[in-house]
Protein backbone atom coordinates (compact mmCIF):
# COMPACT_ATOMS: atom_id res chain seq x y z
CA UNK A 1 -0.20 0.33 -0.09
CA UNK A 2 1.26 3.57 -0.98
CA UNK A 3 1.79 6.91 0.82
CA UNK A 4 -1.43 8.65 -0.67
CA UNK A 5 -3.65 4.92 0.06
CA UNK A 6 -2.83 4.84 3.71
CA UNK A 7 -4.18 8.60 4.32
CA UNK A 8 -6.76 7.52 1.81
CA UNK A 9 -8.07 4.75 3.77
CA UNK A 10 -7.81 6.44 7.05
CA UNK A 11 -9.32 9.58 5.91
CA UNK A 12 -12.59 7.50 4.55
CA UNK A 13 -12.97 5.89 7.52
CA UNK A 14 -12.72 8.27 9.94
CA UNK A 15 -14.55 10.95 7.65
CA UNK A 16 -17.79 8.24 7.85
CA UNK A 17 -17.00 7.84 11.68
CA UNK A 18 -17.36 11.66 12.06
CA UNK A 19 -20.88 12.04 9.73
CA UNK A 20 -22.39 8.99 11.88
CA UNK A 21 -23.55 8.32 15.38
CA UNK A 22 -20.70 5.72 16.88
CA UNK A 23 -17.78 6.75 19.43
CA UNK A 24 -15.58 8.52 17.56
CA UNK A 25 -12.81 7.79 19.87
CA UNK A 26 -13.23 4.02 19.56
CA UNK A 27 -14.01 4.30 15.75
CA UNK A 28 -10.87 6.42 15.08
CA UNK A 29 -8.44 3.89 17.34
CA UNK A 30 -9.81 1.23 14.86
CA UNK A 31 -8.82 3.09 11.86
CA UNK A 32 -5.78 3.56 12.89
CA UNK A 33 -4.13 0.73 14.31
CA UNK A 34 -5.70 -1.22 11.05
CA UNK A 35 -4.55 0.52 8.98
CA UNK A 36 -0.90 0.87 10.67
CA UNK A 37 -0.81 -2.44 11.32
CA UNK A 38 -1.61 -3.76 7.51
CA UNK A 39 1.24 -1.21 6.73
CA UNK A 40 3.80 -1.71 8.69
CA UNK A 41 3.17 -5.75 7.89
CA UNK A 42 3.93 -4.97 4.09
CA UNK A 43 6.64 -3.50 5.01
CA UNK A 44 10.47 -4.64 4.31
CA UNK A 45 11.87 -2.57 6.98
CA UNK A 46 9.67 -2.04 9.40
CA UNK A 47 11.59 0.22 12.12
CA UNK A 48 11.69 2.51 8.75
CA UNK A 49 8.32 2.56 8.42
CA UNK A 50 7.07 3.82 11.35
CA UNK A 51 7.78 7.53 11.15
CA UNK A 52 6.64 7.60 7.95
CA UNK A 53 3.63 5.44 8.65
CA UNK A 54 2.92 7.56 11.45
CA UNK A 55 2.84 10.71 9.70
CA UNK A 56 0.49 9.05 6.67
CA UNK A 57 -2.45 7.71 9.04
CA UNK A 58 -2.17 11.44 10.78
CA UNK A 59 -2.89 13.60 7.51
CA UNK A 60 -5.61 10.98 6.36
CA UNK A 61 -7.31 11.59 10.14
CA UNK A 62 -6.47 15.08 10.02
CA UNK A 63 -8.30 15.57 6.28
CA UNK A 64 -11.36 14.00 7.39
CA UNK A 65 -11.44 16.53 10.43
CA UNK A 66 -10.95 18.90 8.45
CA UNK A 67 -14.00 18.12 5.61
CA UNK A 68 -15.87 16.65 8.19
CA UNK A 69 -15.82 20.42 10.35
CA UNK A 70 -15.55 18.40 14.06
CA UNK A 71 -14.21 16.15 15.74
CA UNK A 72 -11.09 17.36 16.22
CA UNK A 73 -10.11 16.09 20.35
CA UNK A 74 -11.49 12.92 19.96
CA UNK A 75 -10.71 12.02 16.67
CA UNK A 76 -6.84 12.94 18.01
CA UNK A 77 -7.53 10.47 20.91
CA UNK A 78 -8.42 8.10 19.07
CA UNK A 79 -5.71 8.54 16.19
CA UNK A 80 -3.08 8.20 18.88
CA UNK A 81 -4.42 5.40 20.68
CA UNK A 82 -4.68 3.04 17.35
CA UNK A 83 -1.07 4.33 16.18
CA UNK A 84 0.14 2.93 19.33
CA UNK A 85 -1.66 -0.14 19.41
CA UNK A 86 -1.20 -0.89 15.78
CA UNK A 87 2.82 -0.20 16.29
CA UNK A 88 2.69 -2.15 19.33
CA UNK A 89 1.16 -5.10 17.61
CA UNK A 90 3.95 -5.24 14.68
CA UNK A 91 7.31 -3.71 16.62
CA UNK A 92 7.67 -1.95 19.98
CA UNK A 93 6.46 0.87 21.37
CA UNK A 94 9.53 2.55 21.62
CA UNK A 95 10.29 6.28 23.62
CA UNK A 96 10.84 7.63 19.20
CA UNK A 97 7.17 5.99 18.45
CA UNK A 98 6.09 8.00 21.00
CA UNK A 99 7.83 11.38 19.80
CA UNK A 100 7.00 10.46 16.47
CA UNK A 101 2.94 10.36 17.18
CA UNK A 102 3.10 13.59 19.00
CA UNK A 103 4.28 15.29 16.12
CA UNK A 104 2.52 14.10 13.64
CA UNK A 105 -0.98 14.58 15.65
CA UNK A 106 0.50 18.36 15.72
CA UNK A 107 1.37 18.62 12.32
CA UNK A 108 -1.89 17.47 10.91
CA UNK A 109 -3.82 19.54 13.63
CA UNK A 110 -1.13 22.60 11.40
CA UNK A 111 -2.12 21.36 8.17
CA UNK A 112 -6.22 22.22 8.45
CA UNK A 113 -5.29 25.41 10.31
CA UNK A 114 -6.89 23.59 13.51
CA UNK A 115 -6.38 24.41 17.14
CA UNK A 116 -3.09 22.46 17.82
CA UNK A 117 -4.14 23.48 21.85
CA UNK A 118 -6.95 21.35 21.43
CA UNK A 119 -5.21 18.26 19.83
CA UNK A 120 -3.05 18.78 22.71
CA UNK A 121 -5.55 17.63 24.94
CA UNK A 122 -6.75 14.83 22.88
CA UNK A 123 -2.81 13.49 21.91
CA UNK A 124 -2.21 13.52 25.77
CA UNK A 125 -5.08 11.65 27.02
CA UNK A 126 -5.26 8.77 24.90
CA UNK A 127 -1.05 8.37 24.67
CA UNK A 128 -0.87 7.65 28.68
CA UNK A 129 -4.09 5.67 28.37
CA UNK A 130 -2.40 3.61 25.50
CA UNK A 131 0.56 3.20 27.75
CA UNK A 132 -1.96 0.35 29.37
CA UNK A 133 -2.81 -1.31 26.22
CA UNK A 134 0.96 -1.37 24.40
CA UNK A 135 2.72 -2.22 27.82
CA UNK A 136 4.82 0.99 27.67
CA UNK A 137 6.00 2.64 30.72
CA UNK A 138 3.79 5.53 31.84
CA UNK A 139 6.94 7.47 32.99
CA UNK A 140 8.64 7.30 30.21
CA UNK A 141 5.59 7.84 28.08
CA UNK A 142 5.00 11.06 30.07
CA UNK A 143 8.59 12.19 29.17
CA UNK A 144 8.53 12.14 25.89
CA UNK A 145 4.68 12.96 25.21
CA UNK A 146 5.99 16.53 27.34
CA UNK A 147 8.83 16.67 25.31
CA UNK A 148 7.64 16.14 21.84
CA UNK A 149 4.38 18.62 22.38
CA UNK A 150 6.41 21.66 23.40
CA UNK A 151 8.55 20.83 19.85
CA UNK A 152 6.18 20.90 18.01
CA UNK A 153 3.96 23.61 19.02
CA UNK A 154 6.93 25.54 18.77
CA UNK A 155 7.93 24.83 15.36
CA UNK A 156 3.97 26.08 14.30
CA UNK A 157 4.37 28.69 16.24
CA UNK A 158 1.92 28.30 18.89
CA UNK A 159 0.87 28.70 22.42
CA UNK A 160 2.88 26.86 24.09
CA UNK A 161 1.93 28.10 27.98
CA UNK A 162 -1.97 26.74 26.43
CA UNK A 163 -0.75 23.67 25.13
CA UNK A 164 1.18 23.09 28.39
CA UNK A 165 -1.96 23.36 30.15
CA UNK A 166 -3.84 20.82 27.70
CA UNK A 167 -1.25 18.27 27.69
CA UNK A 168 -1.09 18.09 31.63
CA UNK A 169 -4.93 18.11 31.78
CA UNK A 170 -5.22 15.61 29.12
CA UNK A 171 -2.51 13.19 30.51
CA UNK A 172 -4.18 13.20 34.41
CA UNK A 173 -7.80 11.90 32.39
CA UNK A 174 -5.58 9.41 30.76
CA UNK A 175 -3.30 7.65 33.28
CA UNK A 176 -7.01 8.18 36.09
CA UNK A 177 -9.04 6.24 33.15
CA UNK A 178 -6.69 3.78 33.54
CA UNK A 179 -6.02 3.36 36.94
CA UNK A 180 -2.37 4.79 36.49
CA UNK A 181 -0.27 6.64 38.28
CA UNK A 182 -1.51 10.07 38.19
CA UNK A 183 0.54 12.29 40.12
CA UNK A 184 3.30 10.47 38.27
CA UNK A 185 2.09 11.36 34.71
CA UNK A 186 1.66 15.23 36.01
CA UNK A 187 5.44 14.70 37.14
CA UNK A 188 6.76 13.37 34.19
CA UNK A 189 4.74 15.05 31.74
CA UNK A 190 5.58 18.51 32.99
CA UNK A 191 9.40 17.17 33.26
CA UNK A 192 9.27 16.84 29.59
CA UNK A 193 7.49 20.03 28.58
CA UNK A 194 10.05 22.27 30.70
CA UNK A 195 13.18 20.15 29.09
CA UNK A 196 11.56 20.40 26.00
CA UNK A 197 11.18 23.90 26.07
CA UNK A 198 14.97 24.19 27.06
CA UNK A 199 16.10 22.42 23.92
CA UNK A 200 14.11 24.01 21.71
CA UNK A 201 14.20 27.78 22.88
CA UNK A 202 10.75 27.84 24.34
CA UNK A 203 9.36 30.30 27.42
CA UNK A 204 10.23 27.92 30.49
CA UNK A 205 8.03 30.13 32.83
CA UNK A 206 5.23 30.00 30.05
CA UNK A 207 5.74 26.71 30.16
CA UNK A 208 5.51 26.11 33.65
CA UNK A 209 3.24 27.84 34.33
CA UNK A 210 0.89 26.54 31.78
CA UNK A 211 1.96 22.96 33.37
CA UNK A 212 0.64 23.71 36.78
CA UNK A 213 -2.43 25.33 35.72
CA UNK A 214 -2.93 21.95 34.07
CA UNK A 215 -2.72 20.13 36.41
CA UNK A 216 -5.09 21.96 38.87
CA UNK A 217 -7.59 21.86 36.35
CA UNK A 218 -7.27 17.99 35.50
CA UNK A 219 -6.94 17.68 39.01
CA UNK A 220 -10.41 19.25 39.37
CA UNK A 221 -12.26 17.09 37.05
CA UNK A 222 -11.12 13.43 38.34
CA UNK A 223 -11.37 15.43 42.14
CA UNK A 224 -7.31 14.67 42.85
CA UNK A 225 -5.92 17.57 45.49
CA UNK A 226 -5.59 20.23 43.58
CA UNK A 227 -2.68 21.20 45.71
CA UNK A 228 -0.37 17.95 45.29
CA UNK A 229 -1.48 17.63 41.30
CA UNK A 230 0.50 21.40 41.52
CA UNK A 231 3.11 19.96 43.15
CA UNK A 232 3.73 17.32 41.00
CA UNK A 233 3.51 19.41 37.89
CA UNK A 234 6.11 21.98 39.96
CA UNK A 235 8.57 19.43 40.81
CA UNK A 236 9.08 17.72 37.58
CA UNK A 237 9.24 21.31 36.11
CA UNK A 238 12.28 21.79 38.68
CA UNK A 239 13.65 18.68 38.03
CA UNK A 240 13.39 19.35 34.32
CA UNK A 241 15.29 23.07 35.06
CA UNK A 242 17.85 21.40 36.84
CA UNK A 243 19.63 19.98 34.07
CA UNK A 244 18.79 23.32 32.01
CA UNK A 245 20.77 25.83 34.01
CA UNK A 246 20.31 28.38 37.00
CA UNK A 247 18.49 30.78 34.76
CA UNK A 248 15.27 27.68 34.26
CA UNK A 249 15.96 26.80 37.94
CA UNK A 250 14.60 30.23 39.03
CA UNK A 251 12.24 30.50 36.43
CA UNK A 252 10.19 27.84 37.74
CA UNK A 253 10.56 28.87 41.51
CA UNK A 254 9.36 32.35 41.50
CA UNK A 255 6.43 30.59 39.14
CA UNK A 256 6.02 28.31 41.88
CA UNK A 257 6.62 30.45 44.49
CA UNK A 258 3.64 33.02 42.77
CA UNK A 259 0.76 30.61 42.27
CA UNK A 260 -0.84 29.36 39.36
CA UNK A 261 -4.74 28.76 39.33
CA UNK A 262 -4.84 30.09 43.31
CA UNK A 263 -2.86 27.85 44.49
CA UNK A 264 1.02 27.63 44.96
CA UNK A 265 3.23 24.71 44.26
CA UNK A 266 5.45 23.36 46.61
CA UNK A 267 8.85 21.81 44.95
CA UNK A 268 9.64 18.47 46.35
CA UNK A 269 13.73 17.84 46.42
CA UNK A 270 14.54 21.58 46.21
CA UNK A 271 16.42 22.08 49.58
CA UNK A 272 16.17 26.43 48.61
CA UNK A 273 12.35 26.14 49.46
CA UNK A 274 11.54 23.39 51.54
């Protein structure tokens, strides 16, 4: 199956879902998984074909969203779940695969002029939830999610604060859905976001604010302590800041001390603030 064939197949399947009355997340996951498995099984070099396949599947899914004019977040979530399940059936869901999937979803969103911030929520929720079915490590997946999100959003010139917030709230929802370590998901997603900010030159202050904001809003959705969630996000941000440099450390400390959404965040492991 050629590259165009993969995209056309996914577009047709997802468009049918968006125009119907079925469960879009589950349906999009099935379409994405089937296309991913079929394409990779037909590839001579599976490892080499993963990146291109993920990109083609994402392009087809978002082309369907563009034609239908609806279903952005639900399609993004289903897309990520399906792609990761599909890759896991044929190969290994590595950190690189996670990064490729996140970036492909964000790029697909940008290609149709849609809201990357909204997509980030669906991507995060789907990716964290998929760790259970693929046997992936939640902490590693959360870190890769955060790092790839900042890079992808920066490439598109998008709102890194909004995307960081949506990503963390999505990670909370995803971890909660599978009974996973919610606070661990928050810490590692925030750590990845700030590490990604350091790597691509994004604003550490904005990303940290976004991470804590998302942690607080996500905690409210699932009935978790907002103080604990804010602390987990600040701690993850601080851990990444330590590897970036002193200015990043001060930036994270200032945001945590000032409070976000009316909640002050305690950074665990920071001897200067504990």
